Amino acid sequence: MSGRAPYGLVAVTCAVIMVVLGVLVSGGGVAGPDELAVRWVERAFGPDTDLLRLLVLPTEAYVLIPVAVLAAVLCLIGGRRLEAVLTIVGPLVAILANTWVLKPLFDRWKYTYLAYPSGHTVALVAVLTVLVLLARPGVARAVIATVGAVVLCGVTIGMIGLGYHYLTDVVGGTLFAVATVCATWVLLTWAARRRAPVPSDG
């Protein structure tokens, strides 16, 4: 995993789109795409709450924390200390910043709680993004990214069907999680290069 890939550009792009989307839905109700998504989920899945709850299971802390810890341990065993730090710090920063900064800032309510960006989505996608970045480029990375996308689609359906979030909440959470993890990796690699000893000319 290299710090030379355009992670900074990805982080900035995702962050800008997330902010623009947040401004559009800030303080308001349901946007047009949200209404369409709700209708589609209701038609396709009906009142099957058992299935919908199963679909959102990957967002639970008791699923995500063991995955992140296992990834960090494997990184440490493999001598990838910087990646181990990313595995813990990236998702943690994303979750805390979303909870304490973004949600109050955008002030989008659903029932009695702030909804944008979706905290469940931020947690899930932050961990998935770390796993994608840790994977070897090629088949392994493509497989993890594909599986992650499928899981995210299921989670989106579940959260809409259960009334937890709007579609745009999930999109915003996805964008913010990717932006935060990529930005964290850029900062970690920059700091590591700054600490690296300068080769002697002698």
Protein backbone atom coordinates (compact mmCIF):
# COMPACT_ATOMS: atom_id res chain seq x y z
CA MET A 1 0.00 0.00 0.00
CA SER A 2 1.60 3.22 -1.16
CA GLY A 3 1.03 6.83 -0.18
CA ARG A 4 1.70 7.86 -3.78
CA ALA A 5 -1.77 7.00 -5.10
CA PRO A 6 -4.12 10.01 -5.45
CA TYR A 7 -5.67 9.50 -2.02
CA GLY A 8 -5.62 13.23 -1.36
CA LEU A 9 -7.61 13.96 -4.51
CA VAL A 10 -10.11 11.24 -3.62
CA ALA A 11 -10.48 12.66 -0.11
CA VAL A 12 -11.06 16.21 -1.31
CA THR A 13 -13.51 15.16 -4.04
CA CYS A 14 -15.60 13.03 -1.69
CA ALA A 15 -15.58 15.71 0.99
CA VAL A 16 -16.73 18.43 -1.40
CA ILE A 17 -19.59 16.32 -2.77
CA MET A 18 -20.61 15.38 0.79
CA VAL A 19 -20.73 19.03 1.83
CA VAL A 20 -22.73 20.07 -1.24
CA LEU A 21 -25.22 17.26 -0.65
CA GLY A 22 -25.41 18.17 3.02
CA VAL A 23 -26.20 21.80 2.21
CA LEU A 24 -28.99 20.67 -0.12
CA VAL A 25 -30.68 18.54 2.54
CA SER A 26 -29.67 20.58 5.59
CA GLY A 27 -32.52 21.27 7.97
CA GLY A 28 -35.04 20.02 5.43
CA GLY A 29 -37.19 17.00 4.95
CA VAL A 30 -37.13 14.29 2.33
CA ALA A 31 -35.48 15.02 -1.01
CA GLY A 32 -36.83 13.68 -4.31
CA PRO A 33 -34.39 10.74 -4.56
CA ASP A 34 -35.19 9.83 -0.97
CA GLU A 35 -38.90 9.56 -1.72
CA LEU A 36 -38.23 7.37 -4.75
CA ALA A 37 -35.94 5.11 -2.73
CA VAL A 38 -38.51 4.71 0.06
CA ARG A 39 -41.23 3.76 -2.43
CA TRP A 40 -38.99 1.23 -4.18
CA VAL A 41 -37.91 -0.45 -0.93
CA GLU A 42 -41.50 -0.62 0.29
CA ARG A 43 -42.64 -2.24 -2.97
CA ALA A 44 -39.72 -4.66 -3.19
CA PHE A 45 -39.43 -5.75 0.44
CA GLY A 46 -42.70 -4.82 2.10
CA PRO A 47 -42.93 -5.24 5.86
CA ASP A 48 -40.28 -7.99 6.10
CA THR A 49 -38.50 -6.47 9.08
CA ASP A 50 -36.53 -9.65 9.82
CA LEU A 51 -34.79 -9.48 6.44
CA LEU A 52 -34.25 -5.74 6.75
CA ARG A 53 -32.68 -6.13 10.19
CA LEU A 54 -30.39 -8.83 8.79
CA LEU A 55 -29.29 -6.47 6.03
CA VAL A 56 -28.19 -3.78 8.51
CA LEU A 57 -26.31 -6.26 10.73
CA PRO A 58 -22.88 -5.39 9.22
CA THR A 59 -23.15 -1.86 10.66
CA GLU A 60 -23.26 -3.05 14.25
CA ALA A 61 -20.29 -2.37 16.52
CA TYR A 62 -19.99 -6.03 17.53
CA VAL A 63 -19.35 -6.86 13.86
CA LEU A 64 -17.12 -3.93 12.86
CA ILE A 65 -14.86 -3.75 15.92
CA PRO A 66 -13.60 -7.36 15.67
CA VAL A 67 -12.98 -6.90 11.93
CA ALA A 68 -10.96 -3.72 12.51
CA VAL A 69 -9.00 -5.23 15.40
CA LEU A 70 -8.22 -8.38 13.41
CA ALA A 71 -7.01 -6.30 10.47
CA ALA A 72 -4.80 -4.24 12.78
CA VAL A 73 -3.31 -7.36 14.39
CA LEU A 74 -2.55 -8.89 11.00
CA CYS A 75 -0.86 -5.65 9.95
CA LEU A 76 1.30 -5.70 13.08
CA ILE A 77 2.23 -9.33 12.52
CA GLY A 78 3.23 -8.45 8.97
CA GLY A 79 5.32 -5.51 10.12
CA ARG A 80 2.94 -2.93 8.63
CA ARG A 81 2.74 -0.58 11.58
CA LEU A 82 1.50 2.44 9.66
CA GLU A 83 -1.35 0.41 8.17
CA ALA A 84 -2.23 -0.90 11.64
CA VAL A 85 -2.55 2.69 12.86
CA LEU A 86 -4.79 3.52 9.89
CA THR A 87 -7.03 0.55 10.67
CA ILE A 88 -7.90 1.97 14.07
CA VAL A 89 -7.46 5.72 13.66
CA GLY A 90 -9.23 6.10 10.29
CA PRO A 91 -12.63 4.71 11.34
CA LEU A 92 -12.39 6.27 14.81
CA VAL A 93 -11.77 9.78 13.45
CA ALA A 94 -14.59 9.36 10.92
CA ILE A 95 -17.10 8.23 13.54
CA LEU A 96 -16.23 10.92 16.08
CA ALA A 97 -16.13 13.75 13.54
CA ASN A 98 -19.44 12.67 12.07
CA THR A 99 -21.16 12.43 15.45
CA TRP A 100 -19.85 15.61 17.04
CA VAL A 101 -19.29 17.90 14.05
CA LEU A 102 -21.17 17.00 10.87
CA LYS A 103 -24.52 15.89 12.23
CA PRO A 104 -25.05 19.05 14.33
CA LEU A 105 -23.67 21.17 11.49
CA PHE A 106 -26.06 19.90 8.82
CA ASP A 107 -28.96 19.63 11.28
CA ARG A 108 -31.04 17.16 9.31
CA TRP A 109 -33.53 15.39 11.52
CA LYS A 110 -35.36 12.10 11.13
CA TYR A 111 -37.84 11.58 13.92
CA THR A 112 -35.91 12.50 17.09
CA TYR A 113 -32.30 12.16 15.92
CA LEU A 114 -29.84 13.81 13.55
CA ALA A 115 -29.59 11.78 10.37
CA TYR A 116 -27.05 13.29 7.95
CA PRO A 117 -24.56 11.79 7.37
CA SER A 118 -25.61 8.31 8.50
CA GLY A 119 -23.44 7.20 11.41
CA HIS A 120 -24.01 3.52 10.70
CA THR A 121 -22.83 4.06 7.15
CA VAL A 122 -19.77 6.04 8.23
CA ALA A 123 -18.66 3.23 10.54
CA LEU A 124 -19.20 0.49 7.96
CA VAL A 125 -17.67 2.29 4.99
CA ALA A 126 -14.68 3.52 6.99
CA VAL A 127 -13.78 -0.07 7.87
CA LEU A 128 -14.48 -1.27 4.33
CA THR A 129 -12.31 1.50 2.89
CA VAL A 130 -9.45 0.50 5.16
CA LEU A 131 -9.77 -3.12 4.03
CA VAL A 132 -9.72 -2.07 0.37
CA LEU A 133 -6.62 0.06 0.91
CA LEU A 134 -4.86 -2.73 2.81
CA ALA A 135 -5.54 -5.35 0.14
CA ARG A 136 -3.01 -6.15 -2.56
CA PRO A 137 -3.74 -4.29 -5.81
CA GLY A 138 -5.42 -6.52 -8.36
CA VAL A 139 -7.77 -9.40 -7.68
CA ALA A 140 -7.76 -9.16 -3.87
CA ARG A 141 -8.60 -5.46 -3.88
CA ALA A 142 -11.27 -5.91 -6.55
CA VAL A 143 -12.92 -8.76 -4.63
CA ILE A 144 -13.00 -6.82 -1.34
CA ALA A 145 -14.33 -3.71 -3.08
CA THR A 146 -17.06 -5.72 -4.82
CA VAL A 147 -18.12 -7.54 -1.66
CA GLY A 148 -18.11 -4.24 0.21
CA ALA A 149 -20.31 -2.61 -2.42
CA VAL A 150 -22.81 -5.47 -2.20
CA VAL A 151 -22.88 -5.24 1.60
CA LEU A 152 -23.39 -1.48 1.40
CA CYS A 153 -26.30 -1.89 -1.01
CA GLY A 154 -27.94 -4.32 1.40
CA VAL A 155 -27.35 -1.99 4.34
CA THR A 156 -28.86 0.91 2.38
CA ILE A 157 -32.00 -1.09 1.67
CA GLY A 158 -32.25 -2.16 5.29
CA MET A 159 -31.87 1.30 6.76
CA ILE A 160 -34.37 2.82 4.34
CA GLY A 161 -36.86 0.00 4.90
CA LEU A 162 -36.59 0.21 8.68
CA GLY A 163 -36.93 3.98 8.57
CA TYR A 164 -33.51 4.60 10.11
CA HIS A 165 -32.18 6.84 7.34
CA TYR A 166 -32.86 8.46 3.99
CA LEU A 167 -30.92 7.44 0.89
CA THR A 168 -29.02 10.74 0.89
CA ASP A 169 -27.92 10.11 4.49
CA VAL A 170 -26.26 6.90 3.34
CA VAL A 171 -24.62 8.60 0.35
CA GLY A 172 -23.29 11.36 2.58
CA GLY A 173 -21.97 8.85 5.10
CA THR A 174 -20.24 6.87 2.37
CA LEU A 175 -18.56 9.96 0.94
CA PHE A 176 -17.40 11.19 4.34
CA ALA A 177 -16.01 7.81 5.40
CA VAL A 178 -13.99 7.43 2.20
CA ALA A 179 -12.75 11.02 2.47
CA THR A 180 -11.68 10.63 6.10
CA VAL A 181 -9.85 7.33 5.68
CA CYS A 182 -8.02 8.54 2.57
CA ALA A 183 -7.09 11.83 4.26
CA THR A 184 -5.89 9.95 7.33
CA TRP A 185 -3.64 7.77 5.18
CA VAL A 186 -2.21 10.83 3.42
CA LEU A 187 -1.40 12.43 6.78
CA LEU A 188 0.09 9.24 8.21
CA THR A 189 2.38 8.68 5.23
CA TRP A 190 3.40 12.35 5.23
CA ALA A 191 4.27 12.18 8.93
CA ALA A 192 6.21 8.94 8.39
CA ARG A 193 8.27 10.52 5.63
CA ARG A 194 8.99 13.52 7.83
CA ARG A 195 10.30 11.24 10.58
CA ALA A 196 12.38 9.09 8.25
CA PRO A 197 16.15 9.63 8.65
CA VAL A 198 17.82 11.53 5.83
CA PRO A 199 20.44 9.38 4.02
CA SER A 200 23.99 10.50 4.68
CA ASP A 201 25.99 11.88 1.75
CA GLY A 202 29.12 10.37 3.22
